[in-house]
Each structure stands twice: as structure tokens, then as C-alpha cells.
């Protein structure tokens, strides 16, 4: 009986960790919008296009958010060249 309880306890722990990872990986779209629109040196329309492009992906917005200002500018310049 204790083995069954132990197994259930382990499974609950695994489920809790999985839920935690899902919550941590969710994107705050409002925060992304604020960060993109706060980039200096670009017009609002271009930044809006960049935001719209980012939110179409699961990974791009997350990588954009963890970058510092200089790397964000590099990303925006590369995006600009593709336009």
C-alpha cells in the first residue's frame, strides 16, 4: 500500500512540475507589446509590424524578451532588411 501511495505522490509531483513549466513558458503578450513599442529609433508602424510578426511564433517572442536592448536592435534591423 505504501508503494502505491509513494507512486501516486511521485506522479503528483511530476504533474505539478509540468504545470509549473507551462505557466513559466506562457508569454505575456501585453509585456511583449510594451517592450517592442518602447524600442527607440523606429517608427510606430514598423514596430507594430515587428510585434505582429513576433506573436505568430511560439519561440521568437520569448527569445526577443530575454535579449538586452542591443540584441533587440540587432533583431529589429534584421527584420527590417527582410521587409
PDB file of N, CA and C in Angstrom:
ATOM      1  N   UNK A   1       0.823  -1.194   0.000  1.00  0.00           N
ATOM      2  CA  UNK A   1       0.000   0.000   0.000  1.00  0.00           C
ATOM      3  C   UNK A   1       0.867   1.259   0.000  1.00  0.00           C
ATOM      4  N   UNK A   2       1.959   1.226   0.764  1.00  0.00           N
ATOM      5  CA  UNK A   2       2.838   2.393   0.801  1.00  0.00           C
ATOM      6  C   UNK A   2       3.506   2.634  -0.553  1.00  0.00           C
ATOM      7  N   UNK A   3       3.780   1.541  -1.283  1.00  0.00           N
ATOM      8  CA  UNK A   3       4.365   1.692  -2.615  1.00  0.00           C
ATOM      9  C   UNK A   3       3.404   2.435  -3.542  1.00  0.00           C
ATOM     10  N   UNK A   4       2.116   2.112  -3.446  1.00  0.00           N
ATOM     11  CA  UNK A   4       1.108   2.765  -4.281  1.00  0.00           C
ATOM     12  C   UNK A   4       1.020   4.246  -3.915  1.00  0.00           C
ATOM     13  N   UNK A   5       0.996   4.533  -2.632  1.00  0.00           N
ATOM     14  CA  UNK A   5       0.938   5.926  -2.178  1.00  0.00           C
ATOM     15  C   UNK A   5       2.193   6.677  -2.625  1.00  0.00           C
ATOM     16  N   UNK A   6       3.333   6.022  -2.535  1.00  0.00           N
ATOM     17  CA  UNK A   6       4.585   6.636  -2.988  1.00  0.00           C
ATOM     18  C   UNK A   6       4.561   6.931  -4.473  1.00  0.00           C
ATOM     19  N   UNK A   7       4.047   5.976  -5.265  1.00  0.00           N
ATOM     20  CA  UNK A   7       3.948   6.178  -6.714  1.00  0.00           C
ATOM     21  C   UNK A   7       3.010   7.338  -7.050  1.00  0.00           C
ATOM     22  N   UNK A   8       1.883   7.400  -6.354  1.00  0.00           N
ATOM     23  CA  UNK A   8       0.927   8.488  -6.580  1.00  0.00           C
ATOM     24  C   UNK A   8       1.566   9.826  -6.218  1.00  0.00           C
ATOM     25  N   UNK A   9       2.292   9.846  -5.128  1.00  0.00           N
ATOM     26  CA  UNK A   9       2.963  11.068  -4.697  1.00  0.00           C
ATOM     27  C   UNK A   9       3.973  11.542  -5.739  1.00  0.00           C
ATOM     28  N   UNK A  10       4.721  10.611  -6.295  1.00  0.00           N
ATOM     29  CA  UNK A  10       5.702  10.946  -7.337  1.00  0.00           C
ATOM     30  C   UNK A  10       4.992  11.506  -8.566  1.00  0.00           C
ATOM     31  N   UNK A  11       3.892  10.860  -8.961  1.00  0.00           N
ATOM     32  CA  UNK A  11       3.140  11.322 -10.135  1.00  0.00           C
ATOM     33  C   UNK A  11       2.570  12.723  -9.920  1.00  0.00           C
ATOM     34  N   UNK A  12       2.039  12.988  -8.723  1.00  0.00           N
ATOM     35  CA  UNK A  12       1.537  14.328  -8.430  1.00  0.00           C
ATOM     36  C   UNK A  12       2.662  15.357  -8.518  1.00  0.00           C
ATOM     37  N   UNK A  13       3.829  14.992  -8.040  1.00  0.00           N
ATOM     38  CA  UNK A  13       4.983  15.886  -8.139  1.00  0.00           C
ATOM     39  C   UNK A  13       5.351  16.180  -9.581  1.00  0.00           C
ATOM     40  N   UNK A  14       5.312  15.149 -10.422  1.00  0.00           N
ATOM     41  CA  UNK A  14       5.623  15.329 -11.844  1.00  0.00           C
ATOM     42  C   UNK A  14       4.595  16.230 -12.519  1.00  0.00           C
ATOM     43  N   UNK A  15       3.322  16.035 -12.179  1.00  0.00           N
ATOM     44  CA  UNK A  15       2.262  16.873 -12.747  1.00  0.00           C
ATOM     45  C   UNK A  15       2.449  18.323 -12.299  1.00  0.00           C
ATOM     46  N   UNK A  16       2.760  18.534 -11.036  1.00  0.00           N
ATOM     47  CA  UNK A  16       2.968  19.888 -10.523  1.00  0.00           C
ATOM     48  C   UNK A  16       4.135  20.570 -11.231  1.00  0.00           C
ATOM     49  N   UNK A  17       5.213  19.841 -11.470  1.00  0.00           N
ATOM     50  CA  UNK A  17       6.360  20.413 -12.173  1.00  0.00           C
ATOM     51  C   UNK A  17       5.994  20.757 -13.613  1.00  0.00           C
ATOM     52  N   UNK A  18       5.231  19.895 -14.269  1.00  0.00           N
ATOM     53  CA  UNK A  18       4.817  20.153 -15.651  1.00  0.00           C
ATOM     54  C   UNK A  18       3.933  21.394 -15.728  1.00  0.00           C
ATOM     55  N   UNK A  19       3.020  21.529 -14.791  1.00  0.00           N
ATOM     56  CA  UNK A  19       2.159  22.718 -14.758  1.00  0.00           C
ATOM     57  C   UNK A  19       3.007  23.963 -14.521  1.00  0.00           C
ATOM     58  N   UNK A  20       3.967  23.872 -13.631  1.00  0.00           N
ATOM     59  CA  UNK A  20       4.863  24.999 -13.370  1.00  0.00           C
ATOM     60  C   UNK A  20       5.632  25.418 -14.606  1.00  0.00           C
ATOM     61  N   UNK A  21       6.118  24.448 -15.374  1.00  0.00           N
ATOM     62  CA  UNK A  21       6.844  24.772 -16.612  1.00  0.00           C
ATOM     63  C   UNK A  21       5.921  25.437 -17.621  1.00  0.00           C
ATOM     64  N   UNK A  22       4.670  24.981 -17.702  1.00  0.00           N
ATOM     65  CA  UNK A  22       3.719  25.584 -18.633  1.00  0.00           C
ATOM     66  C   UNK A  22       3.442  27.033 -18.251  1.00  0.00           C
ATOM     67  N   UNK A  23       3.259  27.292 -16.977  1.00  0.00           N
ATOM     68  CA  UNK A  23       2.992  28.650 -16.511  1.00  0.00           C
ATOM     69  C   UNK A  23       4.196  29.541 -16.787  1.00  0.00           C
ATOM     70  N   UNK A  24       5.392  29.045 -16.517  1.00  0.00           N
ATOM     71  CA  UNK A  24       6.608  29.822 -16.740  1.00  0.00           C
ATOM     72  C   UNK A  24       6.833  30.125 -18.212  1.00  0.00           C
ATOM     73  N   UNK A  25       6.385  29.247 -19.090  1.00  0.00           N
ATOM     74  CA  UNK A  25       6.656  29.419 -20.513  1.00  0.00           C
ATOM     75  C   UNK A  25       5.599  30.255 -21.228  1.00  0.00           C
ATOM     76  N   UNK A  26       4.527  30.609 -20.543  1.00  0.00           N
ATOM     77  CA  UNK A  26       3.494  31.422 -21.188  1.00  0.00           C
ATOM     78  C   UNK A  26       4.028  32.815 -21.473  1.00  0.00           C
ATOM     79  N   UNK A  27       3.609  33.353 -22.575  1.00  0.00           N
ATOM     80  CA  UNK A  27       4.065  34.665 -22.999  1.00  0.00           C
ATOM     81  C   UNK A  27       3.085  35.737 -22.543  1.00  0.00           C
ATOM     82  N   UNK A  28       3.614  36.788 -21.940  1.00  0.00           N
ATOM     83  CA  UNK A  28       2.806  37.948 -21.592  1.00  0.00           C
ATOM     84  C   UNK A  28       2.792  38.862 -22.816  1.00  0.00           C
ATOM     85  N   UNK A  29       1.736  38.766 -23.609  1.00  0.00           N
ATOM     86  CA  UNK A  29       1.653  39.491 -24.874  1.00  0.00           C
ATOM     87  C   UNK A  29       1.652  41.001 -24.638  1.00  0.00           C
ATOM     88  N   UNK A  30       1.013  41.441 -23.574  1.00  0.00           N
ATOM     89  CA  UNK A  30       0.995  42.874 -23.264  1.00  0.00           C
ATOM     90  C   UNK A  30       2.402  43.378 -22.975  1.00  0.00           C
ATOM     91  N   UNK A  31       3.161  42.611 -22.205  1.00  0.00           N
ATOM     92  CA  UNK A  31       4.547  42.990 -21.896  1.00  0.00           C
ATOM     93  C   UNK A  31       5.394  42.993 -23.169  1.00  0.00           C
ATOM     94  N   UNK A  32       5.208  41.999 -24.028  1.00  0.00           N
ATOM     95  CA  UNK A  32       5.929  41.962 -25.299  1.00  0.00           C
ATOM     96  C   UNK A  32       5.615  43.220 -26.106  1.00  0.00           C
ATOM     97  N   UNK A  33       4.344  43.574 -26.201  1.00  0.00           N
ATOM     98  CA  UNK A  33       3.942  44.766 -26.949  1.00  0.00           C
ATOM     99  C   UNK A  33       4.629  46.012 -26.388  1.00  0.00           C
ATOM    100  N   UNK A  34       4.607  46.148 -25.075  1.00  0.00           N
ATOM    101  CA  UNK A  34       5.234  47.311 -24.437  1.00  0.00           C
ATOM    102  C   UNK A  34       6.728  47.371 -24.734  1.00  0.00           C
ATOM    103  N   UNK A  35       7.392  46.227 -24.658  1.00  0.00           N
ATOM    104  CA  UNK A  35       8.835  46.187 -24.895  1.00  0.00           C
ATOM    105  C   UNK A  35       9.178  46.486 -26.351  1.00  0.00           C
ATOM    106  N   UNK A  36       8.409  45.936 -27.273  1.00  0.00           N
ATOM    107  CA  UNK A  36       8.667  46.202 -28.695  1.00  0.00           C
ATOM    108  C   UNK A  36       8.427  47.678 -28.995  1.00  0.00           C
ATOM    109  N   UNK A  37       7.302  48.207 -28.543  1.00  0.00           N
ATOM    110  CA  UNK A  37       6.947  49.589 -28.857  1.00  0.00           C
ATOM    111  C   UNK A  37       7.861  50.598 -28.163  1.00  0.00           C
ATOM    112  N   UNK A  38       8.577  50.183 -27.134  1.00  0.00           N
ATOM    113  CA  UNK A  38       9.491  51.079 -26.416  1.00  0.00           C
ATOM    114  C   UNK A  38      10.851  51.208 -27.096  1.00  0.00           C
ATOM    115  N   UNK A  39      11.083  50.416 -28.126  1.00  0.00           N
ATOM    116  CA  UNK A  39      12.378  50.479 -28.809  1.00  0.00           C
ATOM    117  C   UNK A  39      12.515  51.826 -29.517  1.00  0.00           C
ATOM    118  N   UNK A  40      13.621  52.500 -29.245  1.00  0.00           N
ATOM    119  CA  UNK A  40      13.852  53.829 -29.816  1.00  0.00           C
ATOM    120  C   UNK A  40      14.501  53.727 -31.188  1.00  0.00           C
ATOM    121  N   UNK A  41      14.188  54.711 -32.030  1.00  0.00           N
ATOM    122  CA  UNK A  41      14.805  54.783 -33.342  1.00  0.00           C
ATOM    123  C   UNK A  41      13.984  54.156 -34.457  1.00  0.00           C
ATOM    124  N   UNK A  42      12.776  53.720 -34.138  1.00  0.00           N
ATOM    125  CA  UNK A  42      11.910  53.081 -35.134  1.00  0.00           C
ATOM    126  C   UNK A  42      10.536  53.730 -35.074  1.00  0.00           C
ATOM    127  N   UNK A  43       9.861  53.777 -36.217  1.00  0.00           N
ATOM    128  CA  UNK A  43       8.519  54.365 -36.192  1.00  0.00           C
ATOM    129  C   UNK A  43       7.499  53.342 -35.690  1.00  0.00           C
ATOM    130  N   UNK A  44       6.372  53.877 -35.280  1.00  0.00           N
ATOM    131  CA  UNK A  44       5.331  53.053 -34.661  1.00  0.00           C
ATOM    132  C   UNK A  44       4.820  51.958 -35.593  1.00  0.00           C
ATOM    133  N   UNK A  45       4.656  52.290 -36.864  1.00  0.00           N
ATOM    134  CA  UNK A  45       4.146  51.302 -37.818  1.00  0.00           C
ATOM    135  C   UNK A  45       5.109  50.121 -37.963  1.00  0.00           C
ATOM    136  N   UNK A  46       6.399  50.414 -38.068  1.00  0.00           N
ATOM    137  CA  UNK A  46       7.392  49.347 -38.179  1.00  0.00           C
ATOM    138  C   UNK A  46       7.389  48.469 -36.931  1.00  0.00           C
ATOM    139  N   UNK A  47       7.362  49.100 -35.759  1.00  0.00           N
ATOM    140  CA  UNK A  47       7.356  48.325 -34.516  1.00  0.00           C
ATOM    141  C   UNK A  47       6.084  47.488 -34.404  1.00  0.00           C
ATOM    142  N   UNK A  48       4.967  48.028 -34.863  1.00  0.00           N
ATOM    143  CA  UNK A  48       3.724  47.251 -34.877  1.00  0.00           C
ATOM    144  C   UNK A  48       3.836  46.033 -35.774  1.00  0.00           C
ATOM    145  N   UNK A  49       4.468  46.209 -36.924  1.00  0.00           N
ATOM    146  CA  UNK A  49       4.687  45.072 -37.832  1.00  0.00           C
ATOM    147  C   UNK A  49       5.593  44.025 -37.189  1.00  0.00           C
ATOM    148  N   UNK A  50       6.641  44.496 -36.502  1.00  0.00           N
ATOM    149  CA  UNK A  50       7.557  43.574 -35.827  1.00  0.00           C
ATOM    150  C   UNK A  50       6.819  42.796 -34.740  1.00  0.00           C
ATOM    151  N   UNK A  51       5.986  43.486 -33.977  1.00  0.00           N
ATOM    152  CA  UNK A  51       5.190  42.826 -32.940  1.00  0.00           C
ATOM    153  C   UNK A  51       4.271  41.773 -33.554  1.00  0.00           C
ATOM    154  N   UNK A  52       3.568  42.152 -34.623  1.00  0.00           N
ATOM    155  CA  UNK A  52       2.661  41.204 -35.280  1.00  0.00           C
ATOM    156  C   UNK A  52       3.409  39.976 -35.778  1.00  0.00           C
ATOM    157  N   UNK A  53       4.610  40.167 -36.281  1.00  0.00           N
ATOM    158  CA  UNK A  53       5.427  39.048 -36.746  1.00  0.00           C
ATOM    159  C   UNK A  53       5.826  38.155 -35.568  1.00  0.00           C
ATOM    160  N   UNK A  54       6.257  38.776 -34.481  1.00  0.00           N
ATOM    161  CA  UNK A  54       6.708  38.005 -33.320  1.00  0.00           C
ATOM    162  C   UNK A  54       5.603  37.122 -32.748  1.00  0.00           C
ATOM    163  N   UNK A  55       4.399  37.657 -32.621  1.00  0.00           N
ATOM    164  CA  UNK A  55       3.336  36.894 -31.959  1.00  0.00           C
ATOM    165  C   UNK A  55       2.817  35.731 -32.796  1.00  0.00           C
ATOM    166  N   UNK A  56       3.256  35.625 -34.040  1.00  0.00           N
ATOM    167  CA  UNK A  56       2.863  34.487 -34.864  1.00  0.00           C
ATOM    168  C   UNK A  56       3.670  33.234 -34.531  1.00  0.00           C
ATOM    169  N   UNK A  57       4.705  33.382 -33.734  1.00  0.00           N
ATOM    170  CA  UNK A  57       5.599  32.272 -33.401  1.00  0.00           C
ATOM    171  C   UNK A  57       5.476  31.924 -31.923  1.00  0.00           C
ATOM    172  N   UNK A  58       5.835  30.696 -31.586  1.00  0.00           N
ATOM    173  CA  UNK A  58       5.872  30.296 -30.176  1.00  0.00           C
ATOM    174  C   UNK A  58       7.186  30.687 -29.513  1.00  0.00           C
ATOM    175  N   UNK A  59       8.279  30.633 -30.275  1.00  0.00           N
ATOM    176  CA  UNK A  59       9.595  30.845 -29.670  1.00  0.00           C
ATOM    177  C   UNK A  59      10.175  32.238 -29.885  1.00  0.00           C
ATOM    178  N   UNK A  60       9.923  32.864 -31.021  1.00  0.00           N
ATOM    179  CA  UNK A  60      10.522  34.174 -31.296  1.00  0.00           C
ATOM    180  C   UNK A  60      10.220  35.225 -30.232  1.00  0.00           C
ATOM    181  N   UNK A  61       8.970  35.360 -29.777  1.00  0.00           N
ATOM    182  CA  UNK A  61       8.724  36.392 -28.773  1.00  0.00           C
ATOM    183  C   UNK A  61       9.463  36.137 -27.463  1.00  0.00           C
ATOM    184  N   UNK A  62       9.602  34.883 -27.104  1.00  0.00           N
ATOM    185  CA  UNK A  62      10.310  34.558 -25.859  1.00  0.00           C
ATOM    186  C   UNK A  62      11.782  34.912 -25.975  1.00  0.00           C
ATOM    187  N   UNK A  63      12.383  34.614 -27.127  1.00  0.00           N
ATOM    188  CA  UNK A  63      13.797  34.944 -27.299  1.00  0.00           C
ATOM    189  C   UNK A  63      13.986  36.455 -27.379  1.00  0.00           C
ATOM    190  N   UNK A  64      13.044  37.159 -27.991  1.00  0.00           N
ATOM    191  CA  UNK A  64      13.125  38.621 -28.042  1.00  0.00           C
ATOM    192  C   UNK A  64      13.106  39.197 -26.628  1.00  0.00           C
ATOM    193  N   UNK A  65      12.233  38.685 -25.795  1.00  0.00           N
ATOM    194  CA  UNK A  65      12.067  39.222 -24.442  1.00  0.00           C
ATOM    195  C   UNK A  65      13.295  39.013 -23.556  1.00  0.00           C
ATOM    196  N   UNK A  66      14.047  37.957 -23.772  1.00  0.00           N
ATOM    197  CA  UNK A  66      15.208  37.720 -22.909  1.00  0.00           C
ATOM    198  C   UNK A  66      16.450  38.462 -23.385  1.00  0.00           C
ATOM    199  N   UNK A  67      16.405  39.026 -24.580  1.00  0.00           N
ATOM    200  CA  UNK A  67      17.563  39.751 -25.104  1.00  0.00           C
ATOM    201  C   UNK A  67      17.668  41.138 -24.475  1.00  0.00           C
ATOM    202  N   UNK A  68      18.909  41.649 -24.421  1.00  0.00           N
ATOM    203  CA  UNK A  68      19.102  43.019 -23.961  1.00  0.00           C
ATOM    204  C   UNK A  68      18.757  43.985 -25.095  1.00  0.00           C
ATOM    205  N   UNK A  69      18.802  45.276 -24.813  1.00  0.00           N
ATOM    206  CA  UNK A  69      18.409  46.286 -25.798  1.00  0.00           C
ATOM    207  C   UNK A  69      19.229  46.203 -27.081  1.00  0.00           C
ATOM    208  N   UNK A  70      20.534  46.009 -26.952  1.00  0.00           N
ATOM    209  CA  UNK A  70      21.383  45.940 -28.145  1.00  0.00           C
ATOM    210  C   UNK A  70      21.006  44.763 -29.036  1.00  0.00           C
ATOM    211  N   UNK A  71      20.779  43.601 -28.444  1.00  0.00           N
ATOM    212  CA  UNK A  71      20.411  42.430 -29.243  1.00  0.00           C
ATOM    213  C   UNK A  71      19.007  42.566 -29.829  1.00  0.00           C
ATOM    214  N   UNK A  72      18.134  43.260 -29.127  1.00  0.00           N
ATOM    215  CA  UNK A  72      16.803  43.524 -29.681  1.00  0.00           C
ATOM    216  C   UNK A  72      16.922  44.411 -30.920  1.00  0.00           C
ATOM    217  N   UNK A  73      17.808  45.410 -30.851  1.00  0.00           N
ATOM    218  CA  UNK A  73      18.017  46.282 -32.017  1.00  0.00           C
ATOM    219  C   UNK A  73      18.573  45.490 -33.189  1.00  0.00           C
ATOM    220  N   UNK A  74      19.497  44.570 -32.910  1.00  0.00           N
ATOM    221  CA  UNK A  74      20.035  43.714 -33.972  1.00  0.00           C
ATOM    222  C   UNK A  74      18.897  42.930 -34.611  1.00  0.00           C
ATOM    223  N   UNK A  75      18.022  42.352 -33.795  1.00  0.00           N
ATOM    224  CA  UNK A  75      16.893  41.591 -34.331  1.00  0.00           C
ATOM    225  C   UNK A  75      15.999  42.491 -35.189  1.00  0.00           C
ATOM    226  N   UNK A  76      15.697  43.694 -34.691  1.00  0.00           N
ATOM    227  CA  UNK A  76      14.838  44.606 -35.441  1.00  0.00           C
ATOM    228  C   UNK A  76      15.476  45.023 -36.764  1.00  0.00           C
ATOM    229  N   UNK A  77      16.782  45.246 -36.766  1.00  0.00           N
ATOM    230  CA  UNK A  77      17.466  45.614 -38.013  1.00  0.00           C
ATOM    231  C   UNK A  77      17.399  44.470 -39.028  1.00  0.00           C
ATOM    232  N   UNK A  78      17.571  43.258 -38.555  1.00  0.00           N
ATOM    233  CA  UNK A  78      17.470  42.104 -39.461  1.00  0.00           C
ATOM    234  C   UNK A  78      16.048  41.948 -39.985  1.00  0.00           C
ATOM    235  N   UNK A  79      15.080  42.164 -39.110  1.00  0.00           N
ATOM    236  CA  UNK A  79      13.679  42.110 -39.527  1.00  0.00           C
ATOM    237  C   UNK A  79      13.405  43.191 -40.574  1.00  0.00           C
ATOM    238  N   UNK A  80      13.958  44.376 -40.357  1.00  0.00           N
ATOM    239  CA  UNK A  80      13.777  45.496 -41.285  1.00  0.00           C
ATOM    240  C   UNK A  80      14.315  45.154 -42.672  1.00  0.00           C
ATOM    241  N   UNK A  81      15.445  44.473 -42.726  1.00  0.00           N
ATOM    242  CA  UNK A  81      16.047  44.097 -44.004  1.00  0.00           C
ATOM    243  C   UNK A  81      15.182  43.098 -44.772  1.00  0.00           C
ATOM    244  N   UNK A  82      14.387  42.325 -44.062  1.00  0.00           N
ATOM    245  CA  UNK A  82      13.517  41.332 -44.705  1.00  0.00           C
ATOM    246  C   UNK A  82      12.244  41.959 -45.258  1.00  0.00           C
ATOM    247  N   UNK A  83      11.948  43.175 -44.831  1.00  0.00           N
ATOM    248  CA  UNK A  83      10.709  43.847 -45.250  1.00  0.00           C
ATOM    249  C   UNK A  83      10.803  44.340 -46.667  1.00  0.00           C
TER     250      UNK A  83
END
